Amino acid sequence: MPDVKTKAASIVDSLIELAEHTDMMQHSPGVIQLKIHISGIILALNLNMKLKLNSDDLKTTGKNIGLLDVKANKASRLLTIVYDPEKIPFELWELLIKGKANPKIRKLVREELFRRLQSG
């Protein structure tokens, strides 16, 4: 069975991959709401399922990297992520979503999330 850091790494990779298929709708420190492109519906539902199948994963793995809740609404194509702004800064989300098509920015965000994961 994968350890918490391995599961968290999988979640980080899913978030990075999903970012390319979203647009930011609203963002305030601690809550981000993303509009999911048709191309990202499956990715969003998989992320949602990855965290919801075992609520312990959200409580341990998610909180380890700062994710408190993730909800995907298939009908409205909205993904709402509640996060700990002390673990994942507001600016990091902004950088991820705005630079989603830039491989260098995606790499930078991924490295920062992993750095935080290792120290968490």
Protein backbone atom coordinates (compact mmCIF):
# COMPACT_ATOMS: atom_id res chain seq x y z
CA MET A 1 0.00 0.00 0.00
CA PRO A 2 1.45 3.42 -0.98
CA ASP A 3 2.61 5.71 1.80
CA VAL A 4 1.24 9.20 2.41
CA LYS A 5 3.97 10.95 0.41
CA THR A 6 3.47 8.66 -2.60
CA LYS A 7 -0.29 9.30 -2.52
CA ALA A 8 0.29 13.02 -2.09
CA ALA A 9 2.68 13.03 -5.06
CA SER A 10 -0.06 11.42 -7.15
CA ILE A 11 -2.50 14.14 -6.06
CA VAL A 12 0.01 16.89 -6.93
CA ASP A 13 0.53 15.36 -10.38
CA SER A 14 -3.25 15.19 -10.88
CA LEU A 15 -3.63 18.88 -9.94
CA ILE A 16 -0.85 19.93 -12.31
CA GLU A 17 -2.34 17.88 -15.16
CA LEU A 18 -5.85 19.17 -14.47
CA ALA A 19 -4.77 22.84 -14.42
CA GLU A 20 -4.32 22.83 -18.18
CA HIS A 21 -8.01 21.97 -18.56
CA THR A 22 -9.46 24.70 -16.32
CA ASP A 23 -10.09 28.42 -16.06
CA MET A 24 -10.22 30.25 -12.75
CA MET A 25 -13.71 31.41 -11.80
CA GLN A 26 -13.14 32.68 -8.24
CA HIS A 27 -10.22 32.65 -5.88
CA SER A 28 -9.85 33.90 -2.36
CA PRO A 29 -7.23 32.67 0.09
CA GLY A 30 -8.33 29.17 1.10
CA VAL A 31 -10.87 28.52 -1.68
CA ILE A 32 -10.42 28.28 -5.43
CA GLN A 33 -13.18 27.53 -7.91
CA LEU A 34 -12.24 26.36 -11.38
CA LYS A 35 -14.34 25.95 -14.51
CA ILE A 36 -13.45 22.64 -16.07
CA HIS A 37 -13.12 22.43 -19.84
CA ILE A 38 -14.86 19.45 -21.43
CA SER A 39 -11.39 17.95 -21.93
CA GLY A 40 -10.80 17.96 -18.17
CA ILE A 41 -14.02 16.41 -16.85
CA ILE A 42 -12.55 12.92 -16.47
CA LEU A 43 -9.40 14.29 -14.81
CA ALA A 44 -11.48 16.32 -12.31
CA LEU A 45 -13.74 13.39 -11.49
CA ASN A 46 -10.69 11.13 -11.05
CA LEU A 47 -9.10 13.63 -8.66
CA ASN A 48 -12.37 13.96 -6.78
CA MET A 49 -12.70 10.17 -6.60
CA LYS A 50 -9.06 9.71 -5.61
CA LEU A 51 -9.71 11.84 -2.54
CA LYS A 52 -13.26 10.74 -1.77
CA LEU A 53 -13.01 6.95 -2.19
CA ASN A 54 -11.22 6.75 1.11
CA SER A 55 -11.99 9.73 3.31
CA ASP A 56 -8.80 8.95 5.23
CA ASP A 57 -6.86 9.94 2.12
CA LEU A 58 -8.32 13.42 2.25
CA LYS A 59 -7.77 13.64 6.00
CA THR A 60 -4.15 12.48 5.89
CA THR A 61 -2.74 12.73 2.39
CA GLY A 62 -4.68 15.83 1.35
CA LYS A 63 -4.01 17.73 4.54
CA ASN A 64 -0.35 16.81 4.32
CA ILE A 65 -0.06 19.00 1.24
CA GLY A 66 -2.74 21.51 2.29
CA LEU A 67 -5.89 20.21 0.57
CA LEU A 68 -8.87 20.28 2.90
CA ASP A 69 -11.70 19.46 0.48
CA VAL A 70 -12.21 18.88 -3.23
CA LYS A 71 -15.61 18.83 -4.92
CA ALA A 72 -16.25 18.26 -8.61
CA ASN A 73 -19.67 19.11 -10.00
CA LYS A 74 -20.09 17.33 -13.32
CA ALA A 75 -23.30 19.17 -14.26
CA SER A 76 -21.86 22.68 -13.86
CA ARG A 77 -18.26 21.62 -14.66
CA LEU A 78 -16.97 23.35 -11.53
CA LEU A 79 -14.19 22.16 -9.30
CA THR A 80 -14.01 23.70 -5.85
CA ILE A 81 -10.84 23.20 -3.84
CA VAL A 82 -10.62 24.25 -0.21
CA TYR A 83 -7.01 24.51 0.87
CA ASP A 84 -4.78 25.66 3.69
CA PRO A 85 -3.25 28.96 2.49
CA GLU A 86 -0.33 28.49 4.88
CA LYS A 87 0.67 25.26 3.11
CA ILE A 88 -0.25 26.24 -0.45
CA PRO A 89 0.05 30.01 -0.89
CA PHE A 90 -2.56 31.94 -2.84
CA GLU A 91 0.15 33.05 -5.28
CA LEU A 92 1.13 29.47 -6.12
CA TRP A 93 -2.43 28.66 -7.24
CA GLU A 94 -2.50 31.87 -9.29
CA LEU A 95 0.80 30.97 -10.93
CA LEU A 96 -0.38 27.43 -11.70
CA ILE A 97 -3.65 28.49 -13.32
CA LYS A 98 -2.27 31.49 -15.21
CA GLY A 99 0.83 29.63 -16.40
CA LYS A 100 -0.91 26.33 -17.10
CA ALA A 101 0.20 26.19 -20.74
CA ASN A 102 3.82 27.03 -19.93
CA PRO A 103 5.85 23.87 -19.18
CA LYS A 104 8.47 25.86 -17.24
CA ILE A 105 5.85 27.34 -14.91
CA ARG A 106 4.14 23.96 -14.46
CA LYS A 107 7.53 22.46 -13.55
CA LEU A 108 8.25 25.29 -11.10
CA VAL A 109 4.85 24.88 -9.40
CA ARG A 110 5.26 21.09 -9.27
CA GLU A 111 8.72 21.43 -7.68
CA GLU A 112 7.37 23.92 -5.12
CA LEU A 113 4.44 21.66 -4.24
CA PHE A 114 6.80 18.69 -3.85
CA ARG A 115 9.17 20.78 -1.72
CA ARG A 116 6.25 21.64 0.54
CA LEU A 117 5.19 18.01 0.55
CA GLN A 118 8.65 16.89 1.68
CA SER A 119 8.68 19.43 4.50
CA GLY A 120 5.06 18.68 5.49
